[in-house]
Protein backbone atom coordinates (compact mmCIF):
# COMPACT_ATOMS: atom_id res chain seq x y z
CA UNK A 1 0.00 0.00 0.00
CA UNK A 2 1.32 3.41 -1.02
CA UNK A 3 -0.23 6.65 0.24
CA UNK A 4 -0.21 9.09 -2.69
CA UNK A 5 -1.97 12.08 -1.12
CA UNK A 6 -4.65 13.13 1.30
CA UNK A 7 -7.21 15.60 2.49
CA UNK A 8 -7.57 16.32 6.18
CA UNK A 9 -9.58 18.48 8.46
CA UNK A 10 -9.93 19.18 12.15
CA UNK A 11 -13.07 17.75 13.77
CA UNK A 12 -14.51 20.25 16.22
CA UNK A 13 -15.79 19.22 19.63
CA UNK A 14 -18.17 22.12 20.36
CA UNK A 15 -18.87 21.01 23.93
CA UNK A 16 -15.29 20.13 24.87
CA UNK A 17 -16.29 16.65 25.97
CA UNK A 18 -13.46 14.77 24.30
CA UNK A 19 -9.81 14.89 25.29
CA UNK A 20 -7.31 15.65 22.51
CA UNK A 21 -7.64 16.84 18.95
CA UNK A 22 -9.40 14.73 16.35
CA UNK A 23 -8.86 14.86 12.63
CA UNK A 24 -10.55 13.24 9.65
CA UNK A 25 -8.18 12.08 6.93
CA UNK A 26 -9.03 10.74 3.50
CA UNK A 27 -5.86 9.03 2.29
CA UNK A 28 -5.51 8.29 -1.41
CA UNK A 29 -3.85 4.89 -1.63
CA UNK A 30 -2.55 2.66 -4.37
CA UNK A 31 -2.16 -1.08 -4.12
CA UNK A 32 -0.67 -3.62 -6.50
CA UNK A 33 -3.11 -5.03 -9.06
CA UNK A 34 -2.66 -8.46 -7.49
CA UNK A 35 -3.68 -7.21 -4.02
CA UNK A 36 -7.20 -8.18 -2.91
CA UNK A 37 -7.86 -4.50 -2.16
CA UNK A 38 -7.18 -3.45 -5.76
CA UNK A 39 -9.96 -1.68 -7.63
CA UNK A 40 -9.83 0.24 -10.90
CA UNK A 41 -12.26 2.75 -9.35
CA UNK A 42 -9.70 4.23 -6.95
CA UNK A 43 -9.14 3.57 -3.28
CA UNK A 44 -9.41 5.83 -0.25
CA UNK A 45 -8.74 5.12 3.39
CA UNK A 46 -10.84 7.17 5.79
CA UNK A 47 -9.11 7.67 9.13
CA UNK A 48 -10.32 9.35 12.31
CA UNK A 49 -7.11 10.25 14.10
CA UNK A 50 -6.50 11.38 17.70
CA UNK A 51 -3.59 13.65 18.61
CA UNK A 52 -3.26 14.36 22.33
CA UNK A 53 0.21 15.42 23.39
CA UNK A 54 2.41 12.34 23.43
CA UNK A 55 -0.53 10.05 22.65
CA UNK A 56 -1.67 9.62 19.09
CA UNK A 57 -3.66 6.82 17.57
CA UNK A 58 -6.13 5.78 14.92
CA UNK A 59 -9.63 5.77 16.36
CA UNK A 60 -11.41 4.46 13.28
CA UNK A 61 -10.52 3.54 9.70
CA UNK A 62 -12.09 1.95 6.67
CA UNK A 63 -11.42 1.59 2.98
CA UNK A 64 -13.71 3.22 0.44
CA UNK A 65 -13.91 2.59 -3.29
CA UNK A 66 -13.44 6.15 -4.51
CA UNK A 67 -15.67 6.19 -7.58
CA UNK A 68 -18.67 4.46 -5.98
CA UNK A 69 -18.09 5.51 -2.32
CA UNK A 70 -18.71 1.87 -1.36
CA UNK A 71 -17.19 0.85 1.97
CA UNK A 72 -14.93 -2.19 1.60
CA UNK A 73 -14.66 -4.82 4.32
CA UNK A 74 -10.88 -4.93 4.84
CA UNK A 75 -8.72 -4.19 7.87
CA UNK A 76 -5.28 -2.66 8.02
CA UNK A 77 -2.41 -4.99 8.80
CA UNK A 78 -0.16 -4.17 11.77
CA UNK A 79 2.62 -2.61 9.66
CA UNK A 80 0.03 -0.60 7.70
CA UNK A 81 -1.42 0.75 10.95
CA UNK A 82 2.02 2.07 11.92
CA UNK A 83 2.54 3.53 8.43
CA UNK A 84 -0.83 5.30 8.48
CA UNK A 85 -0.29 6.59 12.03
CA UNK A 86 3.11 8.04 11.08
CA UNK A 87 1.66 9.60 7.92
CA UNK A 88 -1.20 11.24 9.82
CA UNK A 89 1.15 12.59 12.50
CA UNK A 90 3.38 14.08 9.84
CA UNK A 91 0.45 15.70 7.98
CA UNK A 92 -1.70 17.12 10.78
CA UNK A 93 -3.53 20.21 9.47
CA UNK A 94 -2.47 23.56 10.84
CA UNK A 95 -4.78 26.50 11.44
CA UNK A 96 -3.45 28.40 8.42
CA UNK A 97 -3.46 25.41 6.03
CA UNK A 98 -6.39 24.51 3.82
CA UNK A 99 -6.27 20.83 4.87
CA UNK A 100 -5.42 19.37 1.47
CA UNK A 101 -2.31 18.04 -0.17
PDB file of N, CA and C in Angstrom:
ATOM      1  N   UNK A   1       0.851  -1.172   0.000  1.00  0.00           N
ATOM      2  CA  UNK A   1       0.000   0.000   0.000  1.00  0.00           C
ATOM      3  C   UNK A   1       0.895   1.233   0.000  1.00  0.00           C
ATOM      4  N   UNK A   2       0.575   2.162  -0.919  1.00  0.00           N
ATOM      5  CA  UNK A   2       1.321   3.409  -1.019  1.00  0.00           C
ATOM      6  C   UNK A   2       0.340   4.562  -0.877  1.00  0.00           C
ATOM      7  N   UNK A   3       0.611   5.468   0.056  1.00  0.00           N
ATOM      8  CA  UNK A   3      -0.225   6.648   0.236  1.00  0.00           C
ATOM      9  C   UNK A   3       0.273   7.700  -0.747  1.00  0.00           C
ATOM     10  N   UNK A   4      -0.618   8.162  -1.639  1.00  0.00           N
ATOM     11  CA  UNK A   4      -0.209   9.090  -2.692  1.00  0.00           C
ATOM     12  C   UNK A   4      -0.679  10.519  -2.448  1.00  0.00           C
ATOM     13  N   UNK A   5      -1.484  10.743  -1.442  1.00  0.00           N
ATOM     14  CA  UNK A   5      -1.968  12.079  -1.125  1.00  0.00           C
ATOM     15  C   UNK A   5      -3.072  11.985  -0.093  1.00  0.00           C
ATOM     16  N   UNK A   6      -3.604  13.142   0.275  1.00  0.00           N
ATOM     17  CA  UNK A   6      -4.645  13.128   1.302  1.00  0.00           C
ATOM     18  C   UNK A   6      -5.402  14.449   1.333  1.00  0.00           C
ATOM     19  N   UNK A   7      -6.539  14.413   2.004  1.00  0.00           N
ATOM     20  CA  UNK A   7      -7.208  15.604   2.491  1.00  0.00           C
ATOM     21  C   UNK A   7      -7.411  15.362   3.977  1.00  0.00           C
ATOM     22  N   UNK A   8      -7.424  16.454   4.733  1.00  0.00           N
ATOM     23  CA  UNK A   8      -7.568  16.319   6.181  1.00  0.00           C
ATOM     24  C   UNK A   8      -8.241  17.557   6.735  1.00  0.00           C
ATOM     25  N   UNK A   9      -8.999  17.341   7.784  1.00  0.00           N
ATOM     26  CA  UNK A   9      -9.583  18.485   8.465  1.00  0.00           C
ATOM     27  C   UNK A   9      -9.757  18.192   9.943  1.00  0.00           C
ATOM     28  N   UNK A  10      -9.723  19.247  10.707  1.00  0.00           N
ATOM     29  CA  UNK A  10      -9.926  19.183  12.147  1.00  0.00           C
ATOM     30  C   UNK A  10     -11.399  18.925  12.425  1.00  0.00           C
ATOM     31  N   UNK A  11     -11.683  18.023  13.351  1.00  0.00           N
ATOM     32  CA  UNK A  11     -13.065  17.754  13.765  1.00  0.00           C
ATOM     33  C   UNK A  11     -13.322  18.499  15.072  1.00  0.00           C
ATOM     34  N   UNK A  12     -14.230  19.437  15.037  1.00  0.00           N
ATOM     35  CA  UNK A  12     -14.513  20.248  16.223  1.00  0.00           C
ATOM     36  C   UNK A  12     -15.316  19.463  17.247  1.00  0.00           C
ATOM     37  N   UNK A  13     -15.039  19.761  18.505  1.00  0.00           N
ATOM     38  CA  UNK A  13     -15.789  19.224  19.628  1.00  0.00           C
ATOM     39  C   UNK A  13     -16.417  20.427  20.325  1.00  0.00           C
ATOM     40  N   UNK A  14     -17.606  20.855  19.877  1.00  0.00           N
ATOM     41  CA  UNK A  14     -18.172  22.118  20.359  1.00  0.00           C
ATOM     42  C   UNK A  14     -18.438  22.164  21.863  1.00  0.00           C
ATOM     43  N   UNK A  15     -18.575  21.024  22.502  1.00  0.00           N
ATOM     44  CA  UNK A  15     -18.867  21.007  23.928  1.00  0.00           C
ATOM     45  C   UNK A  15     -17.635  20.693  24.777  1.00  0.00           C
ATOM     46  N   UNK A  16     -16.516  20.420  24.133  1.00  0.00           N
ATOM     47  CA  UNK A  16     -15.285  20.133  24.866  1.00  0.00           C
ATOM     48  C   UNK A  16     -15.347  18.858  25.684  1.00  0.00           C
ATOM     49  N   UNK A  17     -16.122  17.892  25.223  1.00  0.00           N
ATOM     50  CA  UNK A  17     -16.290  16.651  25.973  1.00  0.00           C
ATOM     51  C   UNK A  17     -15.144  15.669  25.775  1.00  0.00           C
ATOM     52  N   UNK A  18     -14.478  15.756  24.646  1.00  0.00           N
ATOM     53  CA  UNK A  18     -13.463  14.770  24.303  1.00  0.00           C
ATOM     54  C   UNK A  18     -12.066  15.324  24.536  1.00  0.00           C
ATOM     55  N   UNK A  19     -11.192  14.493  25.040  1.00  0.00           N
ATOM     56  CA  UNK A  19      -9.810  14.895  25.285  1.00  0.00           C
ATOM     57  C   UNK A  19      -9.002  14.746  23.990  1.00  0.00           C
ATOM     58  N   UNK A  20      -8.170  15.725  23.691  1.00  0.00           N
ATOM     59  CA  UNK A  20      -7.313  15.651  22.515  1.00  0.00           C
ATOM     60  C   UNK A  20      -7.959  16.270  21.289  1.00  0.00           C
ATOM     61  N   UNK A  21      -7.189  16.288  20.222  1.00  0.00           N
ATOM     62  CA  UNK A  21      -7.644  16.841  18.951  1.00  0.00           C
ATOM     63  C   UNK A  21      -7.928  15.686  18.003  1.00  0.00           C
ATOM     64  N   UNK A  22      -9.039  15.776  17.297  1.00  0.00           N
ATOM     65  CA  UNK A  22      -9.404  14.732  16.348  1.00  0.00           C
ATOM     66  C   UNK A  22      -9.408  15.302  14.938  1.00  0.00           C
ATOM     67  N   UNK A  23      -8.967  14.456  14.020  1.00  0.00           N
ATOM     68  CA  UNK A  23      -8.857  14.857  12.625  1.00  0.00           C
ATOM     69  C   UNK A  23      -9.451  13.763  11.746  1.00  0.00           C
ATOM     70  N   UNK A  24     -10.038  14.185  10.640  1.00  0.00           N
ATOM     71  CA  UNK A  24     -10.549  13.241   9.654  1.00  0.00           C
ATOM     72  C   UNK A  24      -9.643  13.318   8.429  1.00  0.00           C
ATOM     73  N   UNK A  25      -9.050  12.193   8.100  1.00  0.00           N
ATOM     74  CA  UNK A  25      -8.184  12.083   6.931  1.00  0.00           C
ATOM     75  C   UNK A  25      -8.858  11.210   5.880  1.00  0.00           C
ATOM     76  N   UNK A  26      -8.725  11.597   4.631  1.00  0.00           N
ATOM     77  CA  UNK A  26      -9.029  10.736   3.501  1.00  0.00           C
ATOM     78  C   UNK A  26      -7.711  10.535   2.771  1.00  0.00           C
ATOM     79  N   UNK A  27      -7.145   9.342   2.913  1.00  0.00           N
ATOM     80  CA  UNK A  27      -5.858   9.028   2.294  1.00  0.00           C
ATOM     81  C   UNK A  27      -6.101   8.372   0.941  1.00  0.00           C
ATOM     82  N   UNK A  28      -5.471   8.904  -0.081  1.00  0.00           N
ATOM     83  CA  UNK A  28      -5.509   8.293  -1.412  1.00  0.00           C
ATOM     84  C   UNK A  28      -4.427   7.215  -1.413  1.00  0.00           C
ATOM     85  N   UNK A  29      -4.819   5.988  -1.689  1.00  0.00           N
ATOM     86  CA  UNK A  29      -3.853   4.886  -1.633  1.00  0.00           C
ATOM     87  C   UNK A  29      -3.851   4.102  -2.939  1.00  0.00           C
ATOM     88  N   UNK A  30      -2.703   3.553  -3.231  1.00  0.00           N
ATOM     89  CA  UNK A  30      -2.554   2.659  -4.370  1.00  0.00           C
ATOM     90  C   UNK A  30      -2.068   1.318  -3.846  1.00  0.00           C
ATOM     91  N   UNK A  31      -2.605   0.273  -4.439  1.00  0.00           N
ATOM     92  CA  UNK A  31      -2.157  -1.083  -4.115  1.00  0.00           C
ATOM     93  C   UNK A  31      -1.853  -1.796  -5.422  1.00  0.00           C
ATOM     94  N   UNK A  32      -1.032  -2.815  -5.336  1.00  0.00           N
ATOM     95  CA  UNK A  32      -0.674  -3.619  -6.496  1.00  0.00           C
ATOM     96  C   UNK A  32      -1.929  -4.270  -7.077  1.00  0.00           C
ATOM     97  N   UNK A  33      -1.948  -4.427  -8.392  1.00  0.00           N
ATOM     98  CA  UNK A  33      -3.111  -5.030  -9.058  1.00  0.00           C
ATOM     99  C   UNK A  33      -3.422  -6.427  -8.542  1.00  0.00           C
ATOM    100  N   UNK A  34      -2.448  -7.107  -7.995  1.00  0.00           N
ATOM    101  CA  UNK A  34      -2.658  -8.462  -7.485  1.00  0.00           C
ATOM    102  C   UNK A  34      -3.155  -8.478  -6.042  1.00  0.00           C
ATOM    103  N   UNK A  35      -3.211  -7.318  -5.398  1.00  0.00           N
ATOM    104  CA  UNK A  35      -3.682  -7.206  -4.022  1.00  0.00           C
ATOM    105  C   UNK A  35      -5.211  -7.337  -4.009  1.00  0.00           C
ATOM    106  N   UNK A  36      -5.755  -8.006  -2.995  1.00  0.00           N
ATOM    107  CA  UNK A  36      -7.203  -8.184  -2.910  1.00  0.00           C
ATOM    108  C   UNK A  36      -7.946  -6.860  -2.734  1.00  0.00           C
ATOM    109  N   UNK A  37      -7.263  -5.830  -2.307  1.00  0.00           N
ATOM    110  CA  UNK A  37      -7.862  -4.499  -2.163  1.00  0.00           C
ATOM    111  C   UNK A  37      -7.956  -3.734  -3.478  1.00  0.00           C
ATOM    112  N   UNK A  38      -7.270  -4.189  -4.502  1.00  0.00           N
ATOM    113  CA  UNK A  38      -7.178  -3.448  -5.758  1.00  0.00           C
ATOM    114  C   UNK A  38      -8.554  -3.228  -6.386  1.00  0.00           C
ATOM    115  N   UNK A  39      -8.769  -2.017  -6.861  1.00  0.00           N
ATOM    116  CA  UNK A  39      -9.962  -1.683  -7.633  1.00  0.00           C
ATOM    117  C   UNK A  39      -9.574  -0.619  -8.657  1.00  0.00           C
ATOM    118  N   UNK A  40     -10.092  -0.741  -9.851  1.00  0.00           N
ATOM    119  CA  UNK A  40      -9.829   0.244 -10.897  1.00  0.00           C
ATOM    120  C   UNK A  40     -10.524   1.565 -10.604  1.00  0.00           C
ATOM    121  N   UNK A  41     -11.441   1.574  -9.655  1.00  0.00           N
ATOM    122  CA  UNK A  41     -12.256   2.753  -9.354  1.00  0.00           C
ATOM    123  C   UNK A  41     -11.621   3.670  -8.321  1.00  0.00           C
ATOM    124  N   UNK A  42     -10.394   3.389  -7.926  1.00  0.00           N
ATOM    125  CA  UNK A  42      -9.701   4.227  -6.950  1.00  0.00           C
ATOM    126  C   UNK A  42      -9.976   3.774  -5.534  1.00  0.00           C
ATOM    127  N   UNK A  43      -9.042   4.054  -4.648  1.00  0.00           N
ATOM    128  CA  UNK A  43      -9.140   3.573  -3.281  1.00  0.00           C
ATOM    129  C   UNK A  43      -8.781   4.690  -2.312  1.00  0.00           C
ATOM    130  N   UNK A  44      -9.645   4.879  -1.330  1.00  0.00           N
ATOM    131  CA  UNK A  44      -9.415   5.835  -0.251  1.00  0.00           C
ATOM    132  C   UNK A  44      -9.400   5.076   1.069  1.00  0.00           C
ATOM    133  N   UNK A  45      -8.688   5.631   2.029  1.00  0.00           N
ATOM    134  CA  UNK A  45      -8.736   5.124   3.393  1.00  0.00           C
ATOM    135  C   UNK A  45      -9.182   6.274   4.268  1.00  0.00           C
ATOM    136  N   UNK A  46     -10.361   6.140   4.876  1.00  0.00           N
ATOM    137  CA  UNK A  46     -10.842   7.174   5.792  1.00  0.00           C
ATOM    138  C   UNK A  46     -10.304   6.845   7.181  1.00  0.00           C
ATOM    139  N   UNK A  47      -9.717   7.862   7.820  1.00  0.00           N
ATOM    140  CA  UNK A  47      -9.110   7.671   9.133  1.00  0.00           C
ATOM    141  C   UNK A  47      -9.590   8.774  10.069  1.00  0.00           C
ATOM    142  N   UNK A  48     -10.077   8.397  11.236  1.00  0.00           N
ATOM    143  CA  UNK A  48     -10.320   9.350  12.311  1.00  0.00           C
ATOM    144  C   UNK A  48      -9.126   9.192  13.241  1.00  0.00           C
ATOM    145  N   UNK A  49      -8.397  10.298  13.417  1.00  0.00           N
ATOM    146  CA  UNK A  49      -7.106  10.254  14.097  1.00  0.00           C
ATOM    147  C   UNK A  49      -7.129  11.146  15.331  1.00  0.00           C
ATOM    148  N   UNK A  50      -6.597  10.642  16.446  1.00  0.00           N
ATOM    149  CA  UNK A  50      -6.501  11.382  17.701  1.00  0.00           C
ATOM    150  C   UNK A  50      -5.071  11.833  17.925  1.00  0.00           C
ATOM    151  N   UNK A  51      -4.900  13.115  18.209  1.00  0.00           N
ATOM    152  CA  UNK A  51      -3.591  13.649  18.610  1.00  0.00           C
ATOM    153  C   UNK A  51      -3.795  14.326  19.953  1.00  0.00           C
ATOM    154  N   UNK A  52      -3.111  13.821  20.980  1.00  0.00           N
ATOM    155  CA  UNK A  52      -3.264  14.359  22.333  1.00  0.00           C
ATOM    156  C   UNK A  52      -1.913  14.334  23.018  1.00  0.00           C
ATOM    157  N   UNK A  53      -1.112  15.373  22.796  1.00  0.00           N
ATOM    158  CA  UNK A  53       0.214  15.423  23.391  1.00  0.00           C
ATOM    159  C   UNK A  53       1.072  14.286  22.888  1.00  0.00           C
ATOM    160  N   UNK A  54       1.558  13.464  23.812  1.00  0.00           N
ATOM    161  CA  UNK A  54       2.413  12.337  23.431  1.00  0.00           C
ATOM    162  C   UNK A  54       1.617  11.145  22.908  1.00  0.00           C
ATOM    163  N   UNK A  55       0.307  11.165  23.108  1.00  0.00           N
ATOM    164  CA  UNK A  55      -0.525  10.048  22.650  1.00  0.00           C
ATOM    165  C   UNK A  55      -1.143  10.387  21.297  1.00  0.00           C
ATOM    166  N   UNK A  56      -0.993   9.491  20.370  1.00  0.00           N
ATOM    167  CA  UNK A  56      -1.670   9.620  19.089  1.00  0.00           C
ATOM    168  C   UNK A  56      -2.045   8.223  18.632  1.00  0.00           C
ATOM    169  N   UNK A  57      -3.229   8.143  18.017  1.00  0.00           N
ATOM    170  CA  UNK A  57      -3.664   6.824  17.568  1.00  0.00           C
ATOM    171  C   UNK A  57      -4.797   6.959  16.567  1.00  0.00           C
ATOM    172  N   UNK A  58      -5.018   5.879  15.858  1.00  0.00           N
ATOM    173  CA  UNK A  58      -6.125   5.781  14.924  1.00  0.00           C
ATOM    174  C   UNK A  58      -7.349   5.326  15.716  1.00  0.00           C
ATOM    175  N   UNK A  59      -8.406   6.128  15.657  1.00  0.00           N
ATOM    176  CA  UNK A  59      -9.629   5.766  16.362  1.00  0.00           C
ATOM    177  C   UNK A  59     -10.538   4.901  15.501  1.00  0.00           C
ATOM    178  N   UNK A  60     -10.536   5.190  14.198  1.00  0.00           N
ATOM    179  CA  UNK A  60     -11.406   4.463  13.276  1.00  0.00           C
ATOM    180  C   UNK A  60     -10.803   4.549  11.884  1.00  0.00           C
ATOM    181  N   UNK A  61     -10.971   3.499  11.088  1.00  0.00           N
ATOM    182  CA  UNK A  61     -10.523   3.544   9.702  1.00  0.00           C
ATOM    183  C   UNK A  61     -11.318   2.544   8.878  1.00  0.00           C
ATOM    184  N   UNK A  62     -11.508   2.902   7.614  1.00  0.00           N
ATOM    185  CA  UNK A  62     -12.089   1.954   6.675  1.00  0.00           C
ATOM    186  C   UNK A  62     -11.763   2.377   5.253  1.00  0.00           C
ATOM    187  N   UNK A  63     -11.708   1.363   4.392  1.00  0.00           N
ATOM    188  CA  UNK A  63     -11.417   1.585   2.976  1.00  0.00           C
ATOM    189  C   UNK A  63     -12.703   1.909   2.233  1.00  0.00           C
ATOM    190  N   UNK A  64     -12.578   2.800   1.253  1.00  0.00           N
ATOM    191  CA  UNK A  64     -13.708   3.224   0.436  1.00  0.00           C
ATOM    192  C   UNK A  64     -13.297   3.155  -1.032  1.00  0.00           C
ATOM    193  N   UNK A  65     -14.135   2.551  -1.848  1.00  0.00           N
ATOM    194  CA  UNK A  65     -13.912   2.589  -3.288  1.00  0.00           C
ATOM    195  C   UNK A  65     -14.264   4.001  -3.742  1.00  0.00           C
ATOM    196  N   UNK A  66     -13.285   4.714  -4.263  1.00  0.00           N
ATOM    197  CA  UNK A  66     -13.436   6.152  -4.507  1.00  0.00           C
ATOM    198  C   UNK A  66     -14.579   6.505  -5.454  1.00  0.00           C
ATOM    199  N   UNK A  67     -14.667   5.835  -6.575  1.00  0.00           N
ATOM    200  CA  UNK A  67     -15.673   6.192  -7.584  1.00  0.00           C
ATOM    201  C   UNK A  67     -17.101   5.930  -7.120  1.00  0.00           C
ATOM    202  N   UNK A  68     -17.318   4.840  -6.387  1.00  0.00           N
ATOM    203  CA  UNK A  68     -18.672   4.462  -5.979  1.00  0.00           C
ATOM    204  C   UNK A  68     -18.995   4.837  -4.534  1.00  0.00           C
ATOM    205  N   UNK A  69     -17.975   5.204  -3.755  1.00  0.00           N
ATOM    206  CA  UNK A  69     -18.093   5.507  -2.324  1.00  0.00           C
ATOM    207  C   UNK A  69     -18.565   4.302  -1.511  1.00  0.00           C
ATOM    208  N   UNK A  70     -18.356   3.117  -2.045  1.00  0.00           N
ATOM    209  CA  UNK A  70     -18.715   1.869  -1.364  1.00  0.00           C
ATOM    210  C   UNK A  70     -17.654   1.546  -0.309  1.00  0.00           C
ATOM    211  N   UNK A  71     -18.107   1.237   0.906  1.00  0.00           N
ATOM    212  CA  UNK A  71     -17.193   0.848   1.974  1.00  0.00           C
ATOM    213  C   UNK A  71     -16.770  -0.599   1.747  1.00  0.00           C
ATOM    214  N   UNK A  72     -15.467  -0.849   1.818  1.00  0.00           N
ATOM    215  CA  UNK A  72     -14.927  -2.187   1.598  1.00  0.00           C
ATOM    216  C   UNK A  72     -14.583  -2.822   2.938  1.00  0.00           C
ATOM    217  N   UNK A  73     -14.829  -4.107   3.056  1.00  0.00           N
ATOM    218  CA  UNK A  73     -14.655  -4.822   4.319  1.00  0.00           C
ATOM    219  C   UNK A  73     -13.246  -5.404   4.426  1.00  0.00           C
ATOM    220  N   UNK A  74     -12.274  -4.526   4.652  1.00  0.00           N
ATOM    221  CA  UNK A  74     -10.884  -4.934   4.836  1.00  0.00           C
ATOM    222  C   UNK A  74     -10.311  -4.186   6.028  1.00  0.00           C
ATOM    223  N   UNK A  75      -9.407  -4.827   6.743  1.00  0.00           N
ATOM    224  CA  UNK A  75      -8.725  -4.195   7.866  1.00  0.00           C
ATOM    225  C   UNK A  75      -7.275  -3.908   7.496  1.00  0.00           C
ATOM    226  N   UNK A  76      -6.704  -2.929   8.176  1.00  0.00           N
ATOM    227  CA  UNK A  76      -5.281  -2.658   8.018  1.00  0.00           C
ATOM    228  C   UNK A  76      -4.472  -3.737   8.724  1.00  0.00           C
ATOM    229  N   UNK A  77      -3.343  -4.083   8.145  1.00  0.00           N
ATOM    230  CA  UNK A  77      -2.414  -4.994   8.803  1.00  0.00           C
ATOM    231  C   UNK A  77      -1.579  -4.180   9.785  1.00  0.00           C
ATOM    232  N   UNK A  78      -0.909  -4.856  10.718  1.00  0.00           N
ATOM    233  CA  UNK A  78      -0.163  -4.172  11.774  1.00  0.00           C
ATOM    234  C   UNK A  78       0.843  -3.157  11.231  1.00  0.00           C
ATOM    235  N   UNK A  79       1.621  -3.543  10.208  1.00  0.00           N
ATOM    236  CA  UNK A  79       2.618  -2.613   9.662  1.00  0.00           C
ATOM    237  C   UNK A  79       1.946  -1.450   8.933  1.00  0.00           C
ATOM    238  N   UNK A  80       0.770  -1.674   8.362  1.00  0.00           N
ATOM    239  CA  UNK A  80       0.027  -0.599   7.703  1.00  0.00           C
ATOM    240  C   UNK A  80      -0.520   0.388   8.731  1.00  0.00           C
ATOM    241  N   UNK A  81      -0.939  -0.121   9.880  1.00  0.00           N
ATOM    242  CA  UNK A  81      -1.416   0.753  10.954  1.00  0.00           C
ATOM    243  C   UNK A  81      -0.316   1.719  11.357  1.00  0.00           C
ATOM    244  N   UNK A  82       0.889   1.215  11.540  1.00  0.00           N
ATOM    245  CA  UNK A  82       2.017   2.072  11.917  1.00  0.00           C
ATOM    246  C   UNK A  82       2.347   3.072  10.813  1.00  0.00           C
ATOM    247  N   UNK A  83       2.277   2.644   9.568  1.00  0.00           N
ATOM    248  CA  UNK A  83       2.544   3.529   8.428  1.00  0.00           C
ATOM    249  C   UNK A  83       1.506   4.655   8.360  1.00  0.00           C
ATOM    250  N   UNK A  84       0.242   4.310   8.530  1.00  0.00           N
ATOM    251  CA  UNK A  84      -0.834   5.304   8.478  1.00  0.00           C
ATOM    252  C   UNK A  84      -0.724   6.262   9.665  1.00  0.00           C
ATOM    253  N   UNK A  85      -0.446   5.744  10.842  1.00  0.00           N
ATOM    254  CA  UNK A  85      -0.290   6.588  12.031  1.00  0.00           C
ATOM    255  C   UNK A  85       0.834   7.602  11.822  1.00  0.00           C
ATOM    256  N   UNK A  86       1.974   7.145  11.330  1.00  0.00           N
ATOM    257  CA  UNK A  86       3.109   8.040  11.078  1.00  0.00           C
ATOM    258  C   UNK A  86       2.754   9.085  10.022  1.00  0.00           C
ATOM    259  N   UNK A  87       2.057   8.674   8.983  1.00  0.00           N
ATOM    260  CA  UNK A  87       1.659   9.600   7.921  1.00  0.00           C
ATOM    261  C   UNK A  87       0.738  10.685   8.488  1.00  0.00           C
ATOM    262  N   UNK A  88      -0.262  10.272   9.244  1.00  0.00           N
ATOM    263  CA  UNK A  88      -1.203  11.235   9.816  1.00  0.00           C
ATOM    264  C   UNK A  88      -0.494  12.211  10.754  1.00  0.00           C
ATOM    265  N   UNK A  89       0.388  11.711  11.591  1.00  0.00           N
ATOM    266  CA  UNK A  89       1.147  12.586  12.498  1.00  0.00           C
ATOM    267  C   UNK A  89       1.947  13.623  11.721  1.00  0.00           C
ATOM    268  N   UNK A  90       2.545  13.202  10.644  1.00  0.00           N
ATOM    269  CA  UNK A  90       3.384  14.080   9.836  1.00  0.00           C
ATOM    270  C   UNK A  90       2.551  15.116   9.079  1.00  0.00           C
ATOM    271  N   UNK A  91       1.283  14.828   8.821  1.00  0.00           N
ATOM    272  CA  UNK A  91       0.453  15.696   7.984  1.00  0.00           C
ATOM    273  C   UNK A  91      -0.749  16.294   8.724  1.00  0.00           C
ATOM    274  N   UNK A  92      -0.611  16.493  10.038  1.00  0.00           N
ATOM    275  CA  UNK A  92      -1.705  17.119  10.783  1.00  0.00           C
ATOM    276  C   UNK A  92      -1.963  18.513  10.222  1.00  0.00           C
ATOM    277  N   UNK A  93      -3.222  18.858   9.989  1.00  0.00           N
ATOM    278  CA  UNK A  93      -3.527  20.205   9.473  1.00  0.00           C
ATOM    279  C   UNK A  93      -3.157  21.273  10.487  1.00  0.00           C
ATOM    280  N   UNK A  94      -2.728  22.411   9.982  1.00  0.00           N
ATOM    281  CA  UNK A  94      -2.469  23.565  10.843  1.00  0.00           C
ATOM    282  C   UNK A  94      -3.577  24.571  10.621  1.00  0.00           C
ATOM    283  N   UNK A  95      -3.696  25.523  11.521  1.00  0.00           N
ATOM    284  CA  UNK A  95      -4.781  26.499  11.441  1.00  0.00           C
ATOM    285  C   UNK A  95      -4.741  27.314  10.162  1.00  0.00           C
ATOM    286  N   UNK A  96      -3.544  27.572   9.628  1.00  0.00           N
ATOM    287  CA  UNK A  96      -3.446  28.399   8.421  1.00  0.00           C
ATOM    288  C   UNK A  96      -3.410  27.595   7.135  1.00  0.00           C
ATOM    289  N   UNK A  97      -3.466  26.262   7.245  1.00  0.00           N
ATOM    290  CA  UNK A  97      -3.456  25.413   6.031  1.00  0.00           C
ATOM    291  C   UNK A  97      -4.891  25.144   5.612  1.00  0.00           C
ATOM    292  N   UNK A  98      -5.047  24.791   4.338  1.00  0.00           N
ATOM    293  CA  UNK A  98      -6.386  24.512   3.822  1.00  0.00           C
ATOM    294  C   UNK A  98      -6.810  23.062   4.015  1.00  0.00           C
ATOM    295  N   UNK A  99      -5.910  22.197   4.565  1.00  0.00           N
ATOM    296  CA  UNK A  99      -6.270  20.828   4.866  1.00  0.00           C
ATOM    297  C   UNK A  99      -6.134  19.858   3.713  1.00  0.00           C
ATOM    298  N   UNK A 100      -5.566  20.291   2.591  1.00  0.00           N
ATOM    299  CA  UNK A 100      -5.417  19.371   1.468  1.00  0.00           C
ATOM    300  C   UNK A 100      -3.969  19.301   1.039  1.00  0.00           C
ATOM    301  N   UNK A 101      -3.666  18.265   0.279  1.00  0.00           N
ATOM    302  CA  UNK A 101      -2.305  18.038  -0.172  1.00  0.00           C
ATOM    303  C   UNK A 101      -2.257  18.177  -1.669  1.00  0.00           C
TER     304      UNK A 101
END
